[in-house]
Amino acid sequence: MTLAAMWEARATDGRGSELHAWAREFALPAVRGAAGLERVELFTAPGERVLMIALWAGEPQPVPQPPAELLARPVHHWTFTRTDAG
């Protein structure tokens, strides 16, 4: 069974590039080193948001928490179960 874990953080105004840099330096390496990871990708979006999508064989591993001063609101997390693959 493959699970997709989505992690989305919104930066405080003007700090989106700092949040993205933090995610590249700390969150990605932590996830990449975890057992069961099949694939991970990092995205940015309007509104100073950073999104990570990771595919896992089994239970997703947690993503480190960004520094509070970079966040406009709490980080959002969702886990999805793959039902079809094209």
C-alpha atoms as a PDB file:
ATOM      1  CA  MET A   1       0.000   0.000   0.000  1.00  0.00           C
ATOM      2  CA  THR A   2       1.313   3.421  -0.952  1.00  0.00           C
ATOM      3  CA  LEU A   3       0.405   6.457   1.132  1.00  0.00           C
ATOM      4  CA  ALA A   4       0.839  10.054  -0.009  1.00  0.00           C
ATOM      5  CA  ALA A   5       1.628  12.507   2.765  1.00  0.00           C
ATOM      6  CA  MET A   6       1.114  16.182   2.017  1.00  0.00           C
ATOM      7  CA  TRP A   7       2.680  18.866   4.202  1.00  0.00           C
ATOM      8  CA  GLU A   8       1.833  22.517   3.594  1.00  0.00           C
ATOM      9  CA  ALA A   9       3.185  25.571   5.382  1.00  0.00           C
ATOM     10  CA  ARG A  10       2.377  29.241   4.834  1.00  0.00           C
ATOM     11  CA  ALA A  11       5.064  31.784   5.592  1.00  0.00           C
ATOM     12  CA  THR A  12       4.547  35.118   7.251  1.00  0.00           C
ATOM     13  CA  ASP A  13       4.494  38.003   4.783  1.00  0.00           C
ATOM     14  CA  GLY A  14       7.785  38.426   2.976  1.00  0.00           C
ATOM     15  CA  ARG A  15       9.356  35.220   4.354  1.00  0.00           C
ATOM     16  CA  GLY A  16       8.332  32.659   1.752  1.00  0.00           C
ATOM     17  CA  SER A  17      11.845  32.279   0.375  1.00  0.00           C
ATOM     18  CA  GLU A  18      13.178  31.721   3.911  1.00  0.00           C
ATOM     19  CA  LEU A  19      10.570  29.034   4.562  1.00  0.00           C
ATOM     20  CA  HIS A  20      11.413  27.352   1.249  1.00  0.00           C
ATOM     21  CA  ALA A  21      15.137  27.450   2.104  1.00  0.00           C
ATOM     22  CA  TRP A  22      14.401  25.942   5.542  1.00  0.00           C
ATOM     23  CA  ALA A  23      12.379  23.138   3.922  1.00  0.00           C
ATOM     24  CA  ARG A  24      15.227  22.371   1.462  1.00  0.00           C
ATOM     25  CA  GLU A  25      17.872  22.399   4.205  1.00  0.00           C
ATOM     26  CA  PHE A  26      16.037  20.620   7.049  1.00  0.00           C
ATOM     27  CA  ALA A  27      12.724  19.014   6.066  1.00  0.00           C
ATOM     28  CA  LEU A  28      13.808  17.340   2.817  1.00  0.00           C
ATOM     29  CA  PRO A  29      16.937  15.685   4.274  1.00  0.00           C
ATOM     30  CA  ALA A  30      14.954  14.422   7.282  1.00  0.00           C
ATOM     31  CA  VAL A  31      12.323  12.855   5.044  1.00  0.00           C
ATOM     32  CA  ARG A  32      14.818  11.537   2.491  1.00  0.00           C
ATOM     33  CA  GLY A  33      16.619   9.614   5.215  1.00  0.00           C
ATOM     34  CA  ALA A  34      13.478   7.886   6.501  1.00  0.00           C
ATOM     35  CA  ALA A  35      12.678   4.220   5.935  1.00  0.00           C
ATOM     36  CA  GLY A  36       9.847   3.490   3.536  1.00  0.00           C
ATOM     37  CA  LEU A  37      10.172   6.649   1.435  1.00  0.00           C
ATOM     38  CA  GLU A  38       9.461   6.040  -2.230  1.00  0.00           C
ATOM     39  CA  ARG A  39       9.532   9.626  -3.527  1.00  0.00           C
ATOM     40  CA  VAL A  40       9.433  13.206  -2.251  1.00  0.00           C
ATOM     41  CA  GLU A  41       8.907  16.524  -4.034  1.00  0.00           C
ATOM     42  CA  LEU A  42       8.952  20.130  -2.823  1.00  0.00           C
ATOM     43  CA  PHE A  43       6.829  22.921  -4.329  1.00  0.00           C
ATOM     44  CA  THR A  44       6.089  26.595  -3.799  1.00  0.00           C
ATOM     45  CA  ALA A  45       2.732  28.272  -4.406  1.00  0.00           C
ATOM     46  CA  PRO A  46       1.242  31.769  -4.365  1.00  0.00           C
ATOM     47  CA  GLY A  47       0.578  33.139  -0.910  1.00  0.00           C
ATOM     48  CA  GLU A  48       4.085  32.280   0.317  1.00  0.00           C
ATOM     49  CA  ARG A  49       3.224  28.602   0.695  1.00  0.00           C
ATOM     50  CA  VAL A  50       5.577  25.623   0.622  1.00  0.00           C
ATOM     51  CA  LEU A  51       4.246  22.155  -0.108  1.00  0.00           C
ATOM     52  CA  MET A  52       5.914  18.771   0.254  1.00  0.00           C
ATOM     53  CA  ILE A  53       4.402  15.590  -1.152  1.00  0.00           C
ATOM     54  CA  ALA A  54       5.998  12.303  -0.144  1.00  0.00           C
ATOM     55  CA  LEU A  55       5.024   8.803  -1.217  1.00  0.00           C
ATOM     56  CA  TRP A  56       5.535   6.103   1.386  1.00  0.00           C
ATOM     57  CA  ALA A  57       5.474   2.321   1.473  1.00  0.00           C
ATOM     58  CA  GLY A  58       3.699   2.111   4.824  1.00  0.00           C
ATOM     59  CA  GLU A  59       3.209   4.768   7.475  1.00  0.00           C
ATOM     60  CA  PRO A  60       4.526   8.259   6.631  1.00  0.00           C
ATOM     61  CA  GLN A  61       7.277   9.663   8.824  1.00  0.00           C
ATOM     62  CA  PRO A  62       6.787  13.097  10.415  1.00  0.00           C
ATOM     63  CA  VAL A  63       8.236  16.254   8.884  1.00  0.00           C
ATOM     64  CA  PRO A  64      10.207  18.527  11.229  1.00  0.00           C
ATOM     65  CA  GLN A  65       8.386  21.629  12.440  1.00  0.00           C
ATOM     66  CA  PRO A  66       9.589  24.920  10.878  1.00  0.00           C
ATOM     67  CA  PRO A  67      10.658  27.781  13.135  1.00  0.00           C
ATOM     68  CA  ALA A  68       7.534  29.505  14.470  1.00  0.00           C
ATOM     69  CA  GLU A  69       8.695  32.948  13.338  1.00  0.00           C
ATOM     70  CA  LEU A  70       8.496  31.806   9.692  1.00  0.00           C
ATOM     71  CA  LEU A  71       4.889  30.616   9.929  1.00  0.00           C
ATOM     72  CA  ALA A  72       1.711  32.594   9.319  1.00  0.00           C
ATOM     73  CA  ARG A  73      -0.375  29.715  10.703  1.00  0.00           C
ATOM     74  CA  PRO A  74       0.104  26.120  11.878  1.00  0.00           C
ATOM     75  CA  VAL A  75       1.387  23.628   9.301  1.00  0.00           C
ATOM     76  CA  HIS A  76      -1.292  21.518   7.606  1.00  0.00           C
ATOM     77  CA  HIS A  77      -0.852  17.747   7.111  1.00  0.00           C
ATOM     78  CA  TRP A  78      -2.905  15.275   5.087  1.00  0.00           C
ATOM     79  CA  THR A  79      -2.417  11.600   4.319  1.00  0.00           C
ATOM     80  CA  PHE A  80      -4.028   9.927   1.316  1.00  0.00           C
ATOM     81  CA  THR A  81      -4.214   6.274   0.286  1.00  0.00           C
ATOM     82  CA  ARG A  82      -3.533   5.496  -3.368  1.00  0.00           C
ATOM     83  CA  THR A  83      -6.561   3.878  -4.980  1.00  0.00           C
ATOM     84  CA  ASP A  84      -5.545   3.940  -8.660  1.00  0.00           C
ATOM     85  CA  ALA A  85      -2.297   4.435 -10.516  1.00  0.00           C
ATOM     86  CA  GLY A  86      -2.133   5.461 -14.146  1.00  0.00           C
END
